[in-house]
N, C-alpha and C. Protein backbone atom coordinates (compact mmCIF):
# COMPACT_ATOMS: atom_id res chain seq x y z
N UNK A 1 -32.40 23.90 -1.77
CA UNK A 1 -31.84 22.62 -1.47
C UNK A 1 -30.34 22.80 -1.19
N UNK A 2 -29.86 22.18 -0.12
CA UNK A 2 -28.48 22.33 0.26
C UNK A 2 -27.64 21.28 -0.43
N UNK A 3 -26.53 21.70 -0.97
CA UNK A 3 -25.62 20.80 -1.70
C UNK A 3 -24.41 20.50 -0.83
N UNK A 4 -24.03 19.24 -0.76
CA UNK A 4 -22.78 18.89 -0.09
C UNK A 4 -21.61 19.19 -1.02
N UNK A 5 -20.44 19.29 -0.45
CA UNK A 5 -19.30 19.57 -1.31
C UNK A 5 -18.82 18.30 -2.00
N UNK A 6 -18.17 18.47 -3.11
CA UNK A 6 -17.66 17.36 -3.89
C UNK A 6 -16.25 17.04 -3.44
N UNK A 7 -15.96 15.78 -3.26
CA UNK A 7 -14.63 15.35 -2.87
C UNK A 7 -13.71 15.51 -4.08
N UNK A 8 -12.77 16.41 -3.98
CA UNK A 8 -11.88 16.68 -5.11
C UNK A 8 -10.46 16.20 -4.86
N UNK A 9 -10.20 15.73 -3.70
CA UNK A 9 -8.85 15.26 -3.36
C UNK A 9 -8.87 14.55 -2.04
N UNK A 10 -7.71 14.10 -1.58
CA UNK A 10 -7.68 13.39 -0.32
C UNK A 10 -8.08 14.30 0.84
N UNK A 11 -8.87 13.78 1.74
CA UNK A 11 -9.30 14.52 2.92
C UNK A 11 -8.31 14.36 4.07
N UNK A 12 -7.33 13.52 3.87
CA UNK A 12 -6.36 13.23 4.90
C UNK A 12 -5.53 14.48 5.20
N UNK A 13 -5.42 14.86 6.48
CA UNK A 13 -4.62 16.04 6.80
C UNK A 13 -3.13 15.75 6.57
N UNK A 14 -2.41 16.78 6.22
CA UNK A 14 -0.98 16.63 6.02
C UNK A 14 -0.35 16.38 7.38
N UNK A 15 0.39 15.30 7.49
CA UNK A 15 1.03 14.95 8.74
C UNK A 15 2.53 15.11 8.56
N UNK A 16 3.17 15.47 9.62
CA UNK A 16 4.61 15.66 9.60
C UNK A 16 5.24 14.50 10.35
N UNK A 17 6.45 14.61 10.74
CA UNK A 17 7.12 13.55 11.47
C UNK A 17 6.83 13.60 12.95
N UNK A 18 7.36 12.62 13.68
CA UNK A 18 7.14 12.53 15.12
C UNK A 18 7.75 13.72 15.87
N UNK A 19 8.74 14.38 15.24
CA UNK A 19 9.40 15.48 15.91
C UNK A 19 8.59 16.78 15.87
N UNK A 20 7.54 16.83 15.11
CA UNK A 20 6.72 18.04 14.99
C UNK A 20 5.64 18.02 16.05
N UNK A 21 5.52 19.11 16.86
CA UNK A 21 4.47 19.14 17.88
C UNK A 21 3.08 18.95 17.25
N UNK A 22 2.26 18.16 17.88
CA UNK A 22 0.91 17.92 17.39
C UNK A 22 0.81 16.80 16.39
N UNK A 23 1.93 16.17 16.07
CA UNK A 23 1.91 15.07 15.11
C UNK A 23 1.24 13.85 15.71
N UNK A 24 0.53 13.12 14.90
CA UNK A 24 -0.12 11.89 15.35
C UNK A 24 0.68 10.67 14.99
N UNK A 25 1.84 10.86 14.42
CA UNK A 25 2.67 9.73 14.02
C UNK A 25 3.74 9.50 15.08
N UNK A 26 3.80 8.29 15.59
CA UNK A 26 4.85 7.94 16.53
C UNK A 26 5.85 7.06 15.81
N UNK A 27 7.05 6.97 16.30
CA UNK A 27 8.09 6.18 15.64
C UNK A 27 7.71 4.71 15.60
N UNK A 28 7.16 4.17 16.68
CA UNK A 28 6.83 2.74 16.69
C UNK A 28 5.55 2.46 15.93
N UNK A 29 4.61 3.41 15.96
CA UNK A 29 3.35 3.19 15.23
C UNK A 29 3.61 3.03 13.74
N UNK A 30 4.46 3.88 13.19
CA UNK A 30 4.76 3.81 11.77
C UNK A 30 5.42 2.52 11.39
N UNK A 31 6.37 2.04 12.19
CA UNK A 31 7.07 0.80 11.83
C UNK A 31 6.15 -0.41 11.95
N UNK A 32 5.26 -0.41 12.93
CA UNK A 32 4.30 -1.53 13.04
C UNK A 32 3.36 -1.54 11.84
N UNK A 33 2.92 -0.37 11.43
CA UNK A 33 2.05 -0.29 10.24
C UNK A 33 2.78 -0.75 9.00
N UNK A 34 4.05 -0.36 8.89
CA UNK A 34 4.84 -0.77 7.72
C UNK A 34 5.04 -2.28 7.71
N UNK A 35 5.33 -2.87 8.85
CA UNK A 35 5.51 -4.33 8.92
C UNK A 35 4.21 -5.04 8.57
N UNK A 36 3.10 -4.51 9.04
CA UNK A 36 1.81 -5.11 8.71
C UNK A 36 1.54 -5.01 7.22
N UNK A 37 1.90 -3.87 6.62
CA UNK A 37 1.70 -3.69 5.18
C UNK A 37 2.55 -4.64 4.37
N UNK A 38 3.79 -4.87 4.80
CA UNK A 38 4.67 -5.81 4.08
C UNK A 38 4.14 -7.24 4.21
N UNK A 39 3.61 -7.58 5.37
CA UNK A 39 3.01 -8.91 5.55
C UNK A 39 1.77 -9.06 4.66
N UNK A 40 1.03 -7.97 4.48
CA UNK A 40 -0.13 -8.00 3.60
C UNK A 40 0.31 -8.25 2.16
N UNK A 41 1.40 -7.59 1.73
CA UNK A 41 1.92 -7.83 0.39
C UNK A 41 2.29 -9.30 0.19
N UNK A 42 2.95 -9.88 1.20
CA UNK A 42 3.31 -11.30 1.13
C UNK A 42 2.08 -12.17 0.92
N UNK A 43 1.06 -11.96 1.74
CA UNK A 43 -0.15 -12.77 1.69
C UNK A 43 -0.90 -12.59 0.37
N UNK A 44 -1.01 -11.37 -0.11
CA UNK A 44 -1.77 -11.10 -1.34
C UNK A 44 -1.05 -11.63 -2.57
N UNK A 45 0.27 -11.63 -2.54
CA UNK A 45 1.04 -12.21 -3.65
C UNK A 45 0.82 -13.71 -3.72
N UNK A 46 0.83 -14.37 -2.57
CA UNK A 46 0.57 -15.81 -2.53
C UNK A 46 -0.87 -16.10 -2.98
N UNK A 47 -1.82 -15.28 -2.54
CA UNK A 47 -3.21 -15.45 -2.96
C UNK A 47 -3.36 -15.34 -4.48
N UNK A 48 -2.71 -14.34 -5.08
CA UNK A 48 -2.75 -14.18 -6.54
C UNK A 48 -2.18 -15.39 -7.23
N UNK A 49 -1.08 -15.91 -6.71
CA UNK A 49 -0.45 -17.09 -7.31
C UNK A 49 -1.34 -18.32 -7.18
N UNK A 50 -1.88 -18.56 -6.02
CA UNK A 50 -2.68 -19.76 -5.79
C UNK A 50 -4.01 -19.75 -6.51
N UNK A 51 -4.62 -18.58 -6.67
CA UNK A 51 -5.93 -18.52 -7.32
C UNK A 51 -5.84 -18.19 -8.80
N UNK A 52 -4.67 -17.76 -9.25
CA UNK A 52 -4.53 -17.39 -10.66
C UNK A 52 -5.34 -16.15 -11.00
N UNK A 53 -5.47 -15.26 -10.05
CA UNK A 53 -6.24 -14.05 -10.29
C UNK A 53 -5.40 -12.81 -10.01
N UNK A 54 -5.99 -11.67 -10.25
CA UNK A 54 -5.32 -10.40 -9.94
C UNK A 54 -5.83 -9.90 -8.60
N UNK A 55 -4.89 -9.42 -7.79
CA UNK A 55 -5.21 -8.90 -6.46
C UNK A 55 -4.64 -7.50 -6.33
N UNK A 56 -5.46 -6.58 -5.86
CA UNK A 56 -5.03 -5.19 -5.68
C UNK A 56 -4.86 -4.89 -4.20
N UNK A 57 -3.78 -4.19 -3.86
CA UNK A 57 -3.49 -3.83 -2.48
C UNK A 57 -3.15 -2.34 -2.44
N UNK A 58 -3.73 -1.63 -1.48
CA UNK A 58 -3.42 -0.22 -1.29
C UNK A 58 -2.83 -0.06 0.10
N UNK A 59 -1.60 0.47 0.16
CA UNK A 59 -0.89 0.66 1.42
C UNK A 59 -0.47 2.11 1.58
N UNK A 60 -0.18 2.48 2.81
CA UNK A 60 0.40 3.80 3.05
C UNK A 60 1.77 3.87 2.39
N UNK A 61 2.11 5.03 1.88
CA UNK A 61 3.40 5.20 1.22
C UNK A 61 4.51 5.21 2.27
N UNK A 62 5.34 4.18 2.25
CA UNK A 62 6.43 4.00 3.20
C UNK A 62 7.67 3.59 2.43
N UNK A 63 8.86 3.87 2.97
CA UNK A 63 10.09 3.42 2.31
C UNK A 63 10.14 1.89 2.24
N UNK A 64 10.57 1.36 1.12
CA UNK A 64 10.75 -0.07 0.96
C UNK A 64 9.56 -0.86 0.46
N UNK A 65 8.39 -0.23 0.36
CA UNK A 65 7.18 -0.95 -0.06
C UNK A 65 7.30 -1.44 -1.49
N UNK A 66 7.76 -0.59 -2.40
CA UNK A 66 7.85 -0.97 -3.81
C UNK A 66 8.88 -2.08 -3.99
N UNK A 67 10.02 -1.95 -3.38
CA UNK A 67 11.05 -2.97 -3.48
C UNK A 67 10.56 -4.30 -2.91
N UNK A 68 9.86 -4.26 -1.79
CA UNK A 68 9.32 -5.49 -1.20
C UNK A 68 8.28 -6.13 -2.12
N UNK A 69 7.41 -5.32 -2.70
CA UNK A 69 6.39 -5.84 -3.62
C UNK A 69 7.04 -6.55 -4.81
N UNK A 70 8.08 -5.95 -5.36
CA UNK A 70 8.78 -6.57 -6.50
C UNK A 70 9.45 -7.89 -6.10
N UNK A 71 10.09 -7.88 -4.91
CA UNK A 71 10.77 -9.09 -4.45
C UNK A 71 9.80 -10.24 -4.18
N UNK A 72 8.70 -9.93 -3.52
CA UNK A 72 7.73 -10.99 -3.20
C UNK A 72 7.06 -11.50 -4.47
N UNK A 73 6.83 -10.63 -5.46
CA UNK A 73 6.24 -11.07 -6.72
C UNK A 73 7.19 -12.01 -7.46
N UNK A 74 8.46 -11.66 -7.46
CA UNK A 74 9.46 -12.51 -8.10
C UNK A 74 9.53 -13.88 -7.41
N UNK A 75 9.46 -13.88 -6.09
CA UNK A 75 9.53 -15.12 -5.32
C UNK A 75 8.32 -16.02 -5.57
N UNK A 76 7.13 -15.44 -5.65
CA UNK A 76 5.91 -16.24 -5.84
C UNK A 76 5.57 -16.47 -7.31
N UNK A 77 6.27 -15.81 -8.22
CA UNK A 77 6.05 -16.06 -9.63
C UNK A 77 4.84 -15.36 -10.21
N UNK A 78 4.51 -14.19 -9.73
CA UNK A 78 3.39 -13.41 -10.27
C UNK A 78 3.93 -12.11 -10.85
N UNK A 79 3.15 -11.49 -11.72
CA UNK A 79 3.49 -10.17 -12.27
C UNK A 79 3.08 -9.11 -11.25
N UNK A 80 3.78 -7.99 -11.23
CA UNK A 80 3.44 -6.92 -10.31
C UNK A 80 3.45 -5.58 -11.04
N UNK A 81 2.49 -4.73 -10.69
CA UNK A 81 2.43 -3.34 -11.16
C UNK A 81 2.27 -2.47 -9.93
N UNK A 82 2.94 -1.32 -9.93
CA UNK A 82 2.89 -0.43 -8.77
C UNK A 82 2.59 1.00 -9.23
N UNK A 83 1.65 1.64 -8.58
CA UNK A 83 1.33 3.05 -8.80
C UNK A 83 1.65 3.80 -7.51
N UNK A 84 2.49 4.83 -7.62
CA UNK A 84 2.80 5.68 -6.47
C UNK A 84 1.85 6.85 -6.45
N UNK A 85 1.12 6.99 -5.37
CA UNK A 85 0.20 8.12 -5.20
C UNK A 85 0.78 9.05 -4.14
N UNK A 86 0.12 10.13 -3.85
CA UNK A 86 0.64 11.11 -2.88
C UNK A 86 0.84 10.52 -1.50
N UNK A 87 -0.13 9.76 -1.01
CA UNK A 87 -0.05 9.21 0.34
C UNK A 87 -0.11 7.68 0.36
N UNK A 88 -0.23 7.06 -0.80
CA UNK A 88 -0.39 5.61 -0.83
C UNK A 88 0.38 4.97 -1.97
N UNK A 89 0.49 3.67 -1.90
CA UNK A 89 1.09 2.86 -2.95
C UNK A 89 0.04 1.84 -3.34
N UNK A 90 -0.27 1.77 -4.63
CA UNK A 90 -1.24 0.79 -5.13
C UNK A 90 -0.46 -0.31 -5.84
N UNK A 91 -0.63 -1.54 -5.37
CA UNK A 91 0.08 -2.68 -5.91
C UNK A 91 -0.91 -3.65 -6.52
N UNK A 92 -0.61 -4.15 -7.71
CA UNK A 92 -1.45 -5.15 -8.37
C UNK A 92 -0.61 -6.38 -8.64
N UNK A 93 -0.96 -7.48 -7.98
CA UNK A 93 -0.31 -8.76 -8.24
C UNK A 93 -1.19 -9.50 -9.24
N UNK A 94 -0.60 -9.98 -10.31
CA UNK A 94 -1.35 -10.67 -11.36
C UNK A 94 -0.85 -12.10 -11.48
N UNK A 95 -1.68 -13.02 -11.03
CA UNK A 95 -1.32 -14.43 -11.08
C UNK A 95 -2.05 -15.17 -12.19
N UNK A 96 -2.66 -14.43 -13.14
CA UNK A 96 -3.38 -15.09 -14.22
C UNK A 96 -2.44 -15.89 -15.07
N UNK A 97 -2.90 -17.01 -15.52
CA UNK A 97 -2.10 -17.89 -16.36
C UNK A 97 -2.50 -17.70 -17.81
N UNK A 98 -1.52 -17.54 -18.64
CA UNK A 98 -1.85 -17.47 -20.06
C UNK A 98 -1.39 -16.28 -20.65
């Protein structure tokens, strides 16, 4: 019987910057993704506040994500927890009352 391999870590290839030949990251692609991620944080913070529930968001690790998550949580009145991973940022907005 053939066994598949066990996923022991991220399968995502290591990517470099736009200046490295063969890179798949472009300068504008990264900024659009970052803007979209920040807009997602805004929306999920409001959702947590309005529903009184906890909402989890996973975004690509980009500069300013943690600071934005803290600012939007403060503005909407929810608690925030952030975990920094190798390639991602995990944000938990907690709008539970009590």
